[in-house]
Amino acid sequence: MSQPPVPAIAIPRVLARSLLLLLAALPGLLLLAACDSGPPRLAKLPADGVVLAFGDSLTHGTGAHAEASYPAVLQELIGRRVLRAGVPGEVTAEGLTRLPGVLQDGAPDLLVLIHGGNDLLQRRAREDTVANLRAMVRLARKRGVAVVLLGVPNLGLIPGRSAGFYEALAEELEVPYDGQALPAILKQPNLKSDAIHPNAQGYRKLAEAVAALLRRSGAI
């Protein structure tokens, strides 16, 4: 015996329209959720953890006394030992050569990488700068060292935003990243010692930004 046909379920027009609107908005909602997820998560630093601040004159603290450099201030803010390993005038190719020895000697748990400003000043090939930065991140990770990255603006009399390749590299390697701190500092004359370096107050702002990035990523 044949079964009677199942009647179709009528969907009210208002409900159907609501479903269509929800489906249309779904990609945007997913994108918003991804944007709100914050930076990639890192393992929490132990109480005796060591942070390596690696870079050029911005890490060295040119324009302020050593105790006012951002690594020194960061050490106070996060309650972990922070090694200051900045070489004024260094380009990323030189930094890549220097990094293995510093990692070996310092045995850090986390690397704060702020490098590339001199490459920009000297108008070195961007693909070479990116390759060197990428190699530094991979070198640190190969040794079990977590990495965070800060972008450097095109340094000059009127610094703008961080060079675009920093954000692209951070996304590629899934590295916690801040591209706003240094441009914001170097736009304010009262935070600078010269055209391209912060003063003591500016370095404190930079240290606060790094500490905030470490908190957002779960490292502290």
N, C-alpha and C. Protein backbone atom coordinates (compact mmCIF):
# COMPACT_ATOMS: atom_id res chain seq x y z
N MET A 1 0.86 -1.19 0.00
CA MET A 1 0.00 0.00 0.00
C MET A 1 0.89 1.23 0.00
N SER A 2 0.66 2.14 -0.89
CA SER A 2 1.49 3.35 -0.98
C SER A 2 1.18 4.30 0.16
N GLN A 3 2.24 4.96 0.61
CA GLN A 3 2.09 5.91 1.71
C GLN A 3 1.63 7.26 1.16
N PRO A 4 0.81 7.95 1.91
CA PRO A 4 0.39 9.28 1.44
C PRO A 4 1.58 10.24 1.43
N PRO A 5 1.65 11.16 0.49
CA PRO A 5 2.78 12.11 0.43
C PRO A 5 2.86 12.96 1.69
N VAL A 6 4.14 13.24 2.08
CA VAL A 6 4.37 14.09 3.25
C VAL A 6 4.16 15.53 2.85
N PRO A 7 3.33 16.23 3.53
CA PRO A 7 3.08 17.62 3.14
C PRO A 7 4.32 18.48 3.36
N ALA A 8 4.57 19.38 2.44
CA ALA A 8 5.70 20.31 2.56
C ALA A 8 5.46 21.25 3.72
N ILE A 9 6.57 21.55 4.40
CA ILE A 9 6.49 22.48 5.53
C ILE A 9 6.66 23.90 5.01
N ALA A 10 5.68 24.67 5.22
CA ALA A 10 5.73 26.05 4.75
C ALA A 10 6.54 26.90 5.72
N ILE A 11 7.49 27.63 5.20
CA ILE A 11 8.31 28.52 6.02
C ILE A 11 7.77 29.93 5.84
N PRO A 12 7.35 30.53 6.94
CA PRO A 12 6.84 31.90 6.82
C PRO A 12 7.85 32.80 6.11
N ARG A 13 7.33 33.76 5.35
CA ARG A 13 8.19 34.63 4.55
C ARG A 13 9.17 35.42 5.42
N VAL A 14 8.73 35.86 6.58
CA VAL A 14 9.60 36.65 7.47
C VAL A 14 10.76 35.80 7.97
N LEU A 15 10.45 34.52 8.33
CA LEU A 15 11.50 33.63 8.81
C LEU A 15 12.49 33.32 7.69
N ALA A 16 11.99 33.08 6.50
CA ALA A 16 12.87 32.79 5.37
C ALA A 16 13.80 33.96 5.10
N ARG A 17 13.27 35.17 5.16
CA ARG A 17 14.10 36.35 4.94
C ARG A 17 15.18 36.47 6.01
N SER A 18 14.81 36.16 7.26
CA SER A 18 15.78 36.23 8.36
C SER A 18 16.91 35.23 8.17
N LEU A 19 16.54 34.01 7.70
CA LEU A 19 17.56 33.00 7.46
C LEU A 19 18.51 33.43 6.35
N LEU A 20 17.97 34.02 5.31
CA LEU A 20 18.82 34.49 4.21
C LEU A 20 19.78 35.58 4.68
N LEU A 21 19.26 36.50 5.50
CA LEU A 21 20.12 37.56 6.02
C LEU A 21 21.22 36.99 6.91
N LEU A 22 20.89 35.99 7.72
CA LEU A 22 21.88 35.36 8.59
C LEU A 22 22.97 34.69 7.79
N LEU A 23 22.57 33.96 6.73
CA LEU A 23 23.55 33.29 5.88
C LEU A 23 24.45 34.30 5.17
N ALA A 24 23.87 35.43 4.75
CA ALA A 24 24.66 36.45 4.07
C ALA A 24 25.67 37.09 5.01
N ALA A 25 25.30 37.21 6.29
CA ALA A 25 26.18 37.87 7.27
C ALA A 25 27.22 36.94 7.86
N LEU A 26 27.06 35.62 7.66
CA LEU A 26 27.92 34.65 8.32
C LEU A 26 29.41 34.85 8.01
N PRO A 27 29.82 35.06 6.74
CA PRO A 27 31.25 35.27 6.49
C PRO A 27 31.83 36.45 7.26
N GLY A 28 31.08 37.54 7.33
CA GLY A 28 31.56 38.70 8.08
C GLY A 28 31.66 38.43 9.56
N LEU A 29 30.72 37.65 10.09
CA LEU A 29 30.77 37.31 11.51
C LEU A 29 31.97 36.43 11.82
N LEU A 30 32.26 35.50 10.91
CA LEU A 30 33.43 34.65 11.11
C LEU A 30 34.71 35.45 11.04
N LEU A 31 34.78 36.42 10.12
CA LEU A 31 35.96 37.27 10.01
C LEU A 31 36.13 38.11 11.26
N LEU A 32 35.02 38.65 11.78
CA LEU A 32 35.09 39.46 12.99
C LEU A 32 35.57 38.62 14.16
N ALA A 33 35.10 37.40 14.25
CA ALA A 33 35.53 36.52 15.34
C ALA A 33 37.02 36.24 15.24
N ALA A 34 37.51 36.07 14.00
CA ALA A 34 38.94 35.83 13.82
C ALA A 34 39.75 37.04 14.23
N CYS A 35 39.26 38.24 13.90
CA CYS A 35 39.98 39.46 14.24
C CYS A 35 40.01 39.68 15.75
N ASP A 36 38.93 39.27 16.43
CA ASP A 36 38.85 39.48 17.87
C ASP A 36 39.58 38.41 18.66
N SER A 37 40.11 37.38 17.98
CA SER A 37 40.74 36.29 18.69
C SER A 37 42.08 36.68 19.27
N GLY A 38 42.64 37.83 18.87
CA GLY A 38 43.90 38.29 19.42
C GLY A 38 45.09 37.63 18.74
N PRO A 39 46.29 37.95 19.22
CA PRO A 39 47.50 37.38 18.62
C PRO A 39 47.62 35.90 18.91
N PRO A 40 48.49 35.19 18.17
CA PRO A 40 48.71 33.78 18.45
C PRO A 40 49.15 33.58 19.91
N ARG A 41 48.73 32.48 20.50
CA ARG A 41 49.02 32.22 21.91
C ARG A 41 50.40 31.62 22.08
N LEU A 42 51.05 32.04 23.16
CA LEU A 42 52.36 31.52 23.52
C LEU A 42 52.28 30.84 24.88
N ALA A 43 53.23 29.96 25.15
CA ALA A 43 53.31 29.34 26.47
C ALA A 43 53.69 30.41 27.50
N LYS A 44 53.15 30.29 28.69
CA LYS A 44 53.44 31.25 29.75
C LYS A 44 54.89 31.12 30.18
N LEU A 45 55.56 32.26 30.30
CA LEU A 45 56.95 32.26 30.76
C LEU A 45 57.01 31.86 32.23
N PRO A 46 57.94 30.98 32.59
CA PRO A 46 58.10 30.68 34.01
C PRO A 46 58.63 31.89 34.77
N ALA A 47 58.52 31.84 36.09
CA ALA A 47 58.96 32.97 36.92
C ALA A 47 60.43 33.28 36.72
N ASP A 48 61.22 32.26 36.39
CA ASP A 48 62.65 32.47 36.15
C ASP A 48 62.97 32.51 34.66
N GLY A 49 61.95 32.74 33.84
CA GLY A 49 62.15 32.78 32.39
C GLY A 49 63.03 33.95 31.96
N VAL A 50 63.67 33.77 30.82
CA VAL A 50 64.58 34.78 30.27
C VAL A 50 64.04 35.26 28.93
N VAL A 51 64.01 36.58 28.77
CA VAL A 51 63.57 37.20 27.53
C VAL A 51 64.78 37.83 26.85
N LEU A 52 64.94 37.59 25.58
CA LEU A 52 66.00 38.21 24.79
C LEU A 52 65.42 39.32 23.94
N ALA A 53 65.84 40.55 24.20
CA ALA A 53 65.47 41.69 23.36
C ALA A 53 66.58 41.86 22.33
N PHE A 54 66.26 41.60 21.07
CA PHE A 54 67.27 41.55 20.02
C PHE A 54 66.95 42.57 18.93
N GLY A 55 67.97 43.31 18.52
CA GLY A 55 67.75 44.29 17.47
C GLY A 55 68.93 45.21 17.27
N ASP A 56 68.62 46.44 16.88
CA ASP A 56 69.65 47.42 16.57
C ASP A 56 69.67 48.52 17.62
N SER A 57 69.80 49.78 17.20
CA SER A 57 69.90 50.88 18.16
C SER A 57 68.63 51.08 18.97
N LEU A 58 67.48 50.71 18.42
CA LEU A 58 66.23 50.84 19.17
C LEU A 58 66.21 49.90 20.37
N THR A 59 66.86 48.77 20.25
CA THR A 59 66.97 47.83 21.36
C THR A 59 68.13 48.21 22.28
N HIS A 60 69.20 48.71 21.70
CA HIS A 60 70.33 49.17 22.50
C HIS A 60 69.92 50.30 23.44
N GLY A 61 69.03 51.17 22.94
CA GLY A 61 68.57 52.29 23.74
C GLY A 61 69.25 53.60 23.40
N THR A 62 69.70 53.73 22.17
CA THR A 62 70.33 54.98 21.73
C THR A 62 69.38 56.16 21.98
N GLY A 63 69.91 57.18 22.65
CA GLY A 63 69.11 58.35 22.99
C GLY A 63 68.71 58.40 24.45
N ALA A 64 69.10 57.37 25.21
CA ALA A 64 68.78 57.33 26.64
C ALA A 64 69.87 56.52 27.35
N HIS A 65 69.90 56.61 28.67
CA HIS A 65 70.83 55.80 29.45
C HIS A 65 70.39 54.34 29.41
N ALA A 66 71.34 53.45 29.67
CA ALA A 66 71.06 52.02 29.59
C ALA A 66 69.89 51.62 30.47
N GLU A 67 69.80 52.20 31.66
CA GLU A 67 68.72 51.82 32.57
C GLU A 67 67.36 52.31 32.11
N ALA A 68 67.33 53.20 31.11
CA ALA A 68 66.07 53.69 30.55
C ALA A 68 65.75 53.04 29.20
N SER A 69 66.59 52.12 28.72
CA SER A 69 66.32 51.42 27.47
C SER A 69 65.06 50.57 27.63
N TYR A 70 64.44 50.22 26.53
CA TYR A 70 63.20 49.46 26.65
C TYR A 70 63.42 48.08 27.29
N PRO A 71 64.55 47.37 27.02
CA PRO A 71 64.72 46.08 27.71
C PRO A 71 64.81 46.23 29.23
N ALA A 72 65.49 47.28 29.69
CA ALA A 72 65.61 47.48 31.13
C ALA A 72 64.26 47.77 31.76
N VAL A 73 63.46 48.59 31.11
CA VAL A 73 62.13 48.92 31.63
C VAL A 73 61.22 47.70 31.54
N LEU A 74 61.32 46.94 30.46
CA LEU A 74 60.50 45.75 30.29
C LEU A 74 60.76 44.75 31.42
N GLN A 75 62.01 44.62 31.82
CA GLN A 75 62.36 43.71 32.91
C GLN A 75 61.61 44.08 34.19
N GLU A 76 61.50 45.38 34.45
CA GLU A 76 60.75 45.84 35.62
C GLU A 76 59.26 45.52 35.48
N LEU A 77 58.74 45.68 34.28
CA LEU A 77 57.30 45.54 34.07
C LEU A 77 56.82 44.09 34.14
N ILE A 78 57.64 43.16 33.66
CA ILE A 78 57.17 41.77 33.57
C ILE A 78 57.75 40.86 34.63
N GLY A 79 58.72 41.34 35.40
CA GLY A 79 59.28 40.53 36.47
C GLY A 79 60.06 39.33 36.00
N ARG A 80 60.61 39.40 34.80
CA ARG A 80 61.51 38.37 34.27
C ARG A 80 62.80 39.03 33.81
N ARG A 81 63.86 38.25 33.76
CA ARG A 81 65.13 38.77 33.28
C ARG A 81 65.04 39.06 31.79
N VAL A 82 65.50 40.24 31.40
CA VAL A 82 65.49 40.63 29.98
C VAL A 82 66.90 40.98 29.57
N LEU A 83 67.41 40.27 28.58
CA LEU A 83 68.75 40.52 28.06
C LEU A 83 68.67 41.57 26.96
N ARG A 84 69.52 42.58 27.04
CA ARG A 84 69.55 43.64 26.02
C ARG A 84 70.64 43.32 25.01
N ALA A 85 70.24 43.00 23.78
CA ALA A 85 71.18 42.61 22.73
C ALA A 85 70.92 43.43 21.48
N GLY A 86 71.11 44.74 21.60
CA GLY A 86 70.94 45.63 20.46
C GLY A 86 72.27 46.22 20.03
N VAL A 87 72.51 46.24 18.72
CA VAL A 87 73.76 46.78 18.16
C VAL A 87 73.41 47.94 17.24
N PRO A 88 73.78 49.17 17.62
CA PRO A 88 73.47 50.32 16.77
C PRO A 88 74.07 50.17 15.37
N GLY A 89 73.31 50.53 14.38
CA GLY A 89 73.77 50.50 13.00
C GLY A 89 73.68 49.15 12.33
N GLU A 90 73.29 48.12 13.05
CA GLU A 90 73.26 46.78 12.48
C GLU A 90 72.12 46.61 11.49
N VAL A 91 72.38 45.91 10.40
CA VAL A 91 71.33 45.55 9.44
C VAL A 91 70.93 44.09 9.69
N THR A 92 69.83 43.67 9.08
CA THR A 92 69.30 42.35 9.39
C THR A 92 70.25 41.22 8.99
N ALA A 93 71.01 41.40 7.91
CA ALA A 93 71.97 40.36 7.52
C ALA A 93 73.00 40.14 8.62
N GLU A 94 73.45 41.22 9.23
CA GLU A 94 74.40 41.11 10.34
C GLU A 94 73.73 40.53 11.59
N GLY A 95 72.49 40.92 11.81
CA GLY A 95 71.76 40.39 12.94
C GLY A 95 71.56 38.89 12.84
N LEU A 96 71.26 38.42 11.64
CA LEU A 96 71.07 36.99 11.42
C LEU A 96 72.35 36.22 11.73
N THR A 97 73.49 36.80 11.37
CA THR A 97 74.77 36.17 11.65
C THR A 97 75.06 36.16 13.16
N ARG A 98 74.67 37.21 13.85
CA ARG A 98 74.95 37.35 15.29
C ARG A 98 74.01 36.53 16.16
N LEU A 99 72.79 36.32 15.72
CA LEU A 99 71.76 35.73 16.57
C LEU A 99 72.11 34.34 17.13
N PRO A 100 72.66 33.43 16.36
CA PRO A 100 72.92 32.11 16.93
C PRO A 100 73.78 32.14 18.19
N GLY A 101 74.82 32.96 18.19
CA GLY A 101 75.69 33.06 19.35
C GLY A 101 74.99 33.65 20.56
N VAL A 102 74.11 34.64 20.30
CA VAL A 102 73.38 35.27 21.39
C VAL A 102 72.38 34.28 21.99
N LEU A 103 71.72 33.50 21.14
CA LEU A 103 70.80 32.48 21.64
C LEU A 103 71.55 31.43 22.44
N GLN A 104 72.71 31.06 21.97
CA GLN A 104 73.51 30.05 22.67
C GLN A 104 73.94 30.56 24.04
N ASP A 105 74.42 31.79 24.10
CA ASP A 105 74.93 32.34 25.36
C ASP A 105 73.82 32.69 26.34
N GLY A 106 72.72 33.25 25.82
CA GLY A 106 71.67 33.75 26.71
C GLY A 106 70.64 32.71 27.11
N ALA A 107 70.49 31.65 26.30
CA ALA A 107 69.50 30.59 26.55
C ALA A 107 68.13 31.17 26.92
N PRO A 108 67.56 32.03 26.08
CA PRO A 108 66.27 32.66 26.43
C PRO A 108 65.10 31.71 26.19
N ASP A 109 63.99 32.07 26.82
CA ASP A 109 62.73 31.38 26.57
C ASP A 109 61.91 32.08 25.50
N LEU A 110 62.16 33.38 25.33
CA LEU A 110 61.36 34.19 24.40
C LEU A 110 62.23 35.26 23.78
N LEU A 111 62.01 35.51 22.51
CA LEU A 111 62.74 36.53 21.75
C LEU A 111 61.80 37.66 21.37
N VAL A 112 62.16 38.89 21.71
CA VAL A 112 61.46 40.08 21.22
C VAL A 112 62.31 40.64 20.09
N LEU A 113 61.79 40.58 18.89
CA LEU A 113 62.55 40.96 17.69
C LEU A 113 62.07 42.31 17.17
N ILE A 114 62.98 43.30 17.22
CA ILE A 114 62.73 44.62 16.63
C ILE A 114 63.95 44.94 15.78
N HIS A 115 63.83 44.70 14.50
CA HIS A 115 65.00 44.82 13.62
C HIS A 115 64.54 45.26 12.23
N GLY A 116 65.45 45.83 11.49
CA GLY A 116 65.18 46.19 10.10
C GLY A 116 65.19 47.68 9.81
N GLY A 117 65.28 48.51 10.85
CA GLY A 117 65.27 49.95 10.62
C GLY A 117 66.42 50.44 9.77
N ASN A 118 67.60 49.87 9.97
CA ASN A 118 68.75 50.30 9.17
C ASN A 118 68.66 49.79 7.74
N ASP A 119 68.01 48.65 7.55
CA ASP A 119 67.76 48.20 6.18
C ASP A 119 66.89 49.22 5.44
N LEU A 120 65.86 49.74 6.15
CA LEU A 120 64.98 50.73 5.54
C LEU A 120 65.72 52.03 5.26
N LEU A 121 66.53 52.46 6.22
CA LEU A 121 67.29 53.70 6.04
C LEU A 121 68.26 53.60 4.85
N GLN A 122 68.86 52.44 4.69
CA GLN A 122 69.83 52.23 3.63
C GLN A 122 69.19 51.75 2.33
N ARG A 123 67.86 51.67 2.33
CA ARG A 123 67.10 51.25 1.16
C ARG A 123 67.58 49.90 0.60
N ARG A 124 67.81 48.99 1.52
CA ARG A 124 68.19 47.64 1.10
C ARG A 124 66.97 46.91 0.52
N ALA A 125 67.23 45.91 -0.26
CA ALA A 125 66.15 45.16 -0.92
C ALA A 125 65.20 44.58 0.12
N ARG A 126 63.93 44.86 -0.03
CA ARG A 126 62.96 44.41 0.96
C ARG A 126 62.89 42.90 1.05
N GLU A 127 63.03 42.23 -0.10
CA GLU A 127 62.96 40.77 -0.06
C GLU A 127 64.09 40.17 0.77
N ASP A 128 65.26 40.86 0.77
CA ASP A 128 66.38 40.38 1.58
C ASP A 128 66.10 40.62 3.07
N THR A 129 65.53 41.78 3.38
CA THR A 129 65.19 42.08 4.78
C THR A 129 64.18 41.07 5.31
N VAL A 130 63.14 40.80 4.52
CA VAL A 130 62.12 39.83 4.93
C VAL A 130 62.73 38.45 5.11
N ALA A 131 63.59 38.06 4.19
CA ALA A 131 64.22 36.74 4.29
C ALA A 131 65.07 36.63 5.55
N ASN A 132 65.76 37.70 5.90
CA ASN A 132 66.59 37.67 7.11
C ASN A 132 65.74 37.61 8.37
N LEU A 133 64.67 38.39 8.40
CA LEU A 133 63.78 38.36 9.56
C LEU A 133 63.12 36.99 9.70
N ARG A 134 62.68 36.43 8.58
CA ARG A 134 62.07 35.10 8.60
C ARG A 134 63.06 34.07 9.14
N ALA A 135 64.31 34.16 8.69
CA ALA A 135 65.33 33.21 9.14
C ALA A 135 65.60 33.35 10.64
N MET A 136 65.54 34.60 11.16
CA MET A 136 65.74 34.80 12.60
C MET A 136 64.64 34.14 13.40
N VAL A 137 63.39 34.33 12.96
CA VAL A 137 62.26 33.72 13.67
C VAL A 137 62.39 32.21 13.65
N ARG A 138 62.68 31.65 12.51
CA ARG A 138 62.79 30.19 12.39
C ARG A 138 63.96 29.65 13.19
N LEU A 139 65.06 30.38 13.21
CA LEU A 139 66.22 29.96 13.99
C LEU A 139 65.88 29.89 15.47
N ALA A 140 65.20 30.92 15.97
CA ALA A 140 64.82 30.93 17.38
C ALA A 140 63.86 29.78 17.68
N ARG A 141 62.85 29.60 16.85
CA ARG A 141 61.87 28.55 17.08
C ARG A 141 62.51 27.16 17.02
N LYS A 142 63.47 26.99 16.15
CA LYS A 142 64.15 25.69 16.06
C LYS A 142 64.82 25.34 17.36
N ARG A 143 65.20 26.36 18.13
CA ARG A 143 65.84 26.14 19.43
C ARG A 143 64.83 26.17 20.58
N GLY A 144 63.56 26.18 20.24
CA GLY A 144 62.53 26.15 21.26
C GLY A 144 62.24 27.49 21.89
N VAL A 145 62.62 28.58 21.21
CA VAL A 145 62.43 29.94 21.74
C VAL A 145 61.21 30.56 21.07
N ALA A 146 60.25 31.00 21.87
CA ALA A 146 59.09 31.70 21.34
C ALA A 146 59.51 33.08 20.82
N VAL A 147 58.70 33.64 19.91
CA VAL A 147 59.06 34.91 19.27
C VAL A 147 57.86 35.84 19.23
N VAL A 148 58.10 37.12 19.51
CA VAL A 148 57.15 38.18 19.19
C VAL A 148 57.88 39.21 18.33
N LEU A 149 57.13 39.88 17.48
CA LEU A 149 57.70 40.80 16.49
C LEU A 149 57.06 42.17 16.60
N LEU A 150 57.89 43.21 16.52
CA LEU A 150 57.38 44.58 16.43
C LEU A 150 57.83 45.19 15.12
N GLY A 151 56.92 45.90 14.46
CA GLY A 151 57.23 46.53 13.19
C GLY A 151 57.93 47.85 13.37
N VAL A 152 58.80 48.16 12.41
CA VAL A 152 59.56 49.41 12.39
C VAL A 152 59.05 50.28 11.25
N PRO A 153 58.82 51.56 11.50
CA PRO A 153 58.36 52.43 10.41
C PRO A 153 59.49 52.80 9.48
N ASN A 154 59.14 53.36 8.34
CA ASN A 154 60.14 53.92 7.46
C ASN A 154 60.72 55.15 8.15
N LEU A 155 61.86 54.97 8.80
CA LEU A 155 62.41 55.99 9.67
C LEU A 155 62.83 57.22 8.88
N GLY A 156 62.59 58.36 9.44
CA GLY A 156 62.92 59.62 8.80
C GLY A 156 62.33 60.77 9.57
N LEU A 157 62.24 61.91 8.94
CA LEU A 157 61.74 63.09 9.64
C LEU A 157 60.26 62.96 9.97
N ILE A 158 59.50 62.25 9.12
CA ILE A 158 58.07 62.07 9.36
C ILE A 158 57.75 60.58 9.29
N PRO A 159 57.99 59.84 10.37
CA PRO A 159 57.72 58.41 10.34
C PRO A 159 56.23 58.14 10.20
N GLY A 160 55.89 57.15 9.41
CA GLY A 160 54.49 56.79 9.24
C GLY A 160 54.19 55.48 9.92
N ARG A 161 53.48 54.61 9.22
CA ARG A 161 53.15 53.31 9.78
C ARG A 161 54.31 52.36 9.59
N SER A 162 54.25 51.22 10.28
CA SER A 162 55.29 50.21 10.11
C SER A 162 55.29 49.73 8.66
N ALA A 163 56.48 49.41 8.17
CA ALA A 163 56.59 48.87 6.83
C ALA A 163 55.70 47.65 6.70
N GLY A 164 54.99 47.54 5.58
CA GLY A 164 53.96 46.53 5.43
C GLY A 164 54.44 45.10 5.52
N PHE A 165 55.71 44.85 5.21
CA PHE A 165 56.17 43.47 5.20
C PHE A 165 56.22 42.85 6.59
N TYR A 166 56.25 43.69 7.64
CA TYR A 166 56.28 43.13 9.00
C TYR A 166 54.97 42.39 9.31
N GLU A 167 53.87 43.04 9.04
CA GLU A 167 52.58 42.41 9.32
C GLU A 167 52.39 41.16 8.48
N ALA A 168 52.79 41.22 7.20
CA ALA A 168 52.67 40.06 6.33
C ALA A 168 53.50 38.89 6.86
N LEU A 169 54.70 39.20 7.34
CA LEU A 169 55.57 38.15 7.87
C LEU A 169 54.99 37.57 9.16
N ALA A 170 54.45 38.44 10.01
CA ALA A 170 53.85 37.95 11.26
C ALA A 170 52.68 37.03 10.98
N GLU A 171 51.86 37.36 9.98
CA GLU A 171 50.74 36.49 9.61
C GLU A 171 51.23 35.17 9.03
N GLU A 172 52.24 35.26 8.19
CA GLU A 172 52.79 34.04 7.58
C GLU A 172 53.31 33.06 8.63
N LEU A 173 54.04 33.59 9.61
CA LEU A 173 54.68 32.74 10.61
C LEU A 173 53.86 32.58 11.88
N GLU A 174 52.69 33.24 11.92
CA GLU A 174 51.81 33.20 13.10
C GLU A 174 52.57 33.63 14.35
N VAL A 175 53.13 34.82 14.27
CA VAL A 175 53.91 35.41 15.36
C VAL A 175 53.10 36.54 15.98
N PRO A 176 52.99 36.62 17.31
CA PRO A 176 52.36 37.79 17.93
C PRO A 176 53.07 39.07 17.46
N TYR A 177 52.28 40.08 17.10
CA TYR A 177 52.84 41.24 16.38
C TYR A 177 52.21 42.54 16.84
N ASP A 178 53.04 43.57 16.92
CA ASP A 178 52.58 44.94 17.16
C ASP A 178 53.22 45.84 16.12
N GLY A 179 52.38 46.43 15.28
CA GLY A 179 52.89 47.33 14.25
C GLY A 179 52.58 48.79 14.53
N GLN A 180 51.99 49.08 15.69
CA GLN A 180 51.53 50.43 15.98
C GLN A 180 52.43 51.19 16.96
N ALA A 181 53.10 50.47 17.86
CA ALA A 181 53.79 51.13 18.98
C ALA A 181 54.88 52.09 18.51
N LEU A 182 55.82 51.60 17.72
CA LEU A 182 56.94 52.45 17.31
C LEU A 182 56.51 53.64 16.44
N PRO A 183 55.66 53.44 15.43
CA PRO A 183 55.20 54.61 14.67
C PRO A 183 54.54 55.66 15.55
N ALA A 184 53.73 55.22 16.51
CA ALA A 184 53.05 56.18 17.39
C ALA A 184 54.05 56.95 18.24
N ILE A 185 55.06 56.27 18.74
CA ILE A 185 56.08 56.93 19.57
C ILE A 185 56.88 57.94 18.74
N LEU A 186 57.29 57.52 17.56
CA LEU A 186 58.18 58.36 16.76
C LEU A 186 57.45 59.50 16.05
N LYS A 187 56.13 59.56 16.18
CA LYS A 187 55.38 60.70 15.67
C LYS A 187 55.32 61.84 16.68
N GLN A 188 55.70 61.57 17.92
CA GLN A 188 55.54 62.56 18.99
C GLN A 188 56.91 63.13 19.38
N PRO A 189 57.14 64.41 19.11
CA PRO A 189 58.44 65.01 19.41
C PRO A 189 58.86 64.89 20.87
N ASN A 190 57.90 64.92 21.78
CA ASN A 190 58.24 64.84 23.20
C ASN A 190 58.69 63.45 23.63
N LEU A 191 58.56 62.45 22.73
CA LEU A 191 58.99 61.08 23.04
C LEU A 191 60.26 60.70 22.29
N LYS A 192 60.89 61.66 21.59
CA LYS A 192 62.05 61.35 20.77
C LYS A 192 63.30 62.08 21.26
N SER A 193 64.45 61.41 21.09
CA SER A 193 65.73 62.06 21.36
C SER A 193 66.32 62.65 20.08
N ASP A 194 65.96 62.10 18.95
CA ASP A 194 66.33 62.64 17.64
C ASP A 194 65.29 62.16 16.64
N ALA A 195 65.57 62.29 15.37
CA ALA A 195 64.55 61.99 14.35
C ALA A 195 64.14 60.54 14.33
N ILE A 196 65.02 59.63 14.75
CA ILE A 196 64.73 58.21 14.58
C ILE A 196 64.83 57.39 15.87
N HIS A 197 65.09 58.05 17.00
CA HIS A 197 65.21 57.30 18.26
C HIS A 197 64.32 57.90 19.34
N PRO A 198 63.70 57.06 20.16
CA PRO A 198 62.96 57.56 21.31
C PRO A 198 63.90 58.12 22.37
N ASN A 199 63.33 58.87 23.30
CA ASN A 199 64.05 59.25 24.51
C ASN A 199 63.62 58.30 25.62
N ALA A 200 64.00 58.60 26.85
CA ALA A 200 63.68 57.70 27.96
C ALA A 200 62.17 57.48 28.08
N GLN A 201 61.40 58.54 27.92
CA GLN A 201 59.95 58.42 28.02
C GLN A 201 59.40 57.57 26.87
N GLY A 202 59.98 57.75 25.70
CA GLY A 202 59.55 56.96 24.55
C GLY A 202 59.88 55.49 24.71
N TYR A 203 61.06 55.20 25.25
CA TYR A 203 61.42 53.79 25.47
C TYR A 203 60.51 53.14 26.51
N ARG A 204 60.08 53.91 27.49
CA ARG A 204 59.13 53.35 28.46
C ARG A 204 57.82 52.99 27.76
N LYS A 205 57.37 53.87 26.87
CA LYS A 205 56.15 53.57 26.12
C LYS A 205 56.34 52.29 25.29
N LEU A 206 57.52 52.14 24.72
CA LEU A 206 57.80 50.95 23.92
C LEU A 206 57.78 49.70 24.80
N ALA A 207 58.41 49.79 25.97
CA ALA A 207 58.42 48.66 26.89
C ALA A 207 57.00 48.30 27.33
N GLU A 208 56.18 49.30 27.55
CA GLU A 208 54.79 49.05 27.94
C GLU A 208 54.04 48.35 26.81
N ALA A 209 54.33 48.73 25.57
CA ALA A 209 53.67 48.08 24.43
C ALA A 209 54.11 46.63 24.30
N VAL A 210 55.39 46.36 24.52
CA VAL A 210 55.88 44.98 24.45
C VAL A 210 55.25 44.15 25.57
N ALA A 211 55.20 44.71 26.78
CA ALA A 211 54.58 44.00 27.90
C ALA A 211 53.12 43.69 27.60
N ALA A 212 52.41 44.64 27.00
CA ALA A 212 51.00 44.42 26.65
C ALA A 212 50.87 43.31 25.61
N LEU A 213 51.77 43.27 24.64
CA LEU A 213 51.75 42.22 23.62
C LEU A 213 52.00 40.85 24.26
N LEU A 214 52.92 40.79 25.20
CA LEU A 214 53.20 39.53 25.89
C LEU A 214 51.98 39.07 26.70
N ARG A 215 51.28 40.02 27.30
CA ARG A 215 50.07 39.66 28.05
C ARG A 215 48.99 39.14 27.11
N ARG A 216 48.77 39.83 25.99
CA ARG A 216 47.72 39.43 25.06
C ARG A 216 48.00 38.05 24.48
N SER A 217 49.28 37.72 24.32
CA SER A 217 49.63 36.44 23.73
C SER A 217 49.75 35.33 24.77
N GLY A 218 49.59 35.67 26.04
CA GLY A 218 49.61 34.65 27.09
C GLY A 218 50.97 34.35 27.66
N ALA A 219 52.01 35.09 27.23
CA ALA A 219 53.37 34.78 27.70
C ALA A 219 53.58 35.19 29.15
N ILE A 220 52.83 36.21 29.62
CA ILE A 220 52.93 36.61 31.02
C ILE A 220 51.53 36.81 31.59
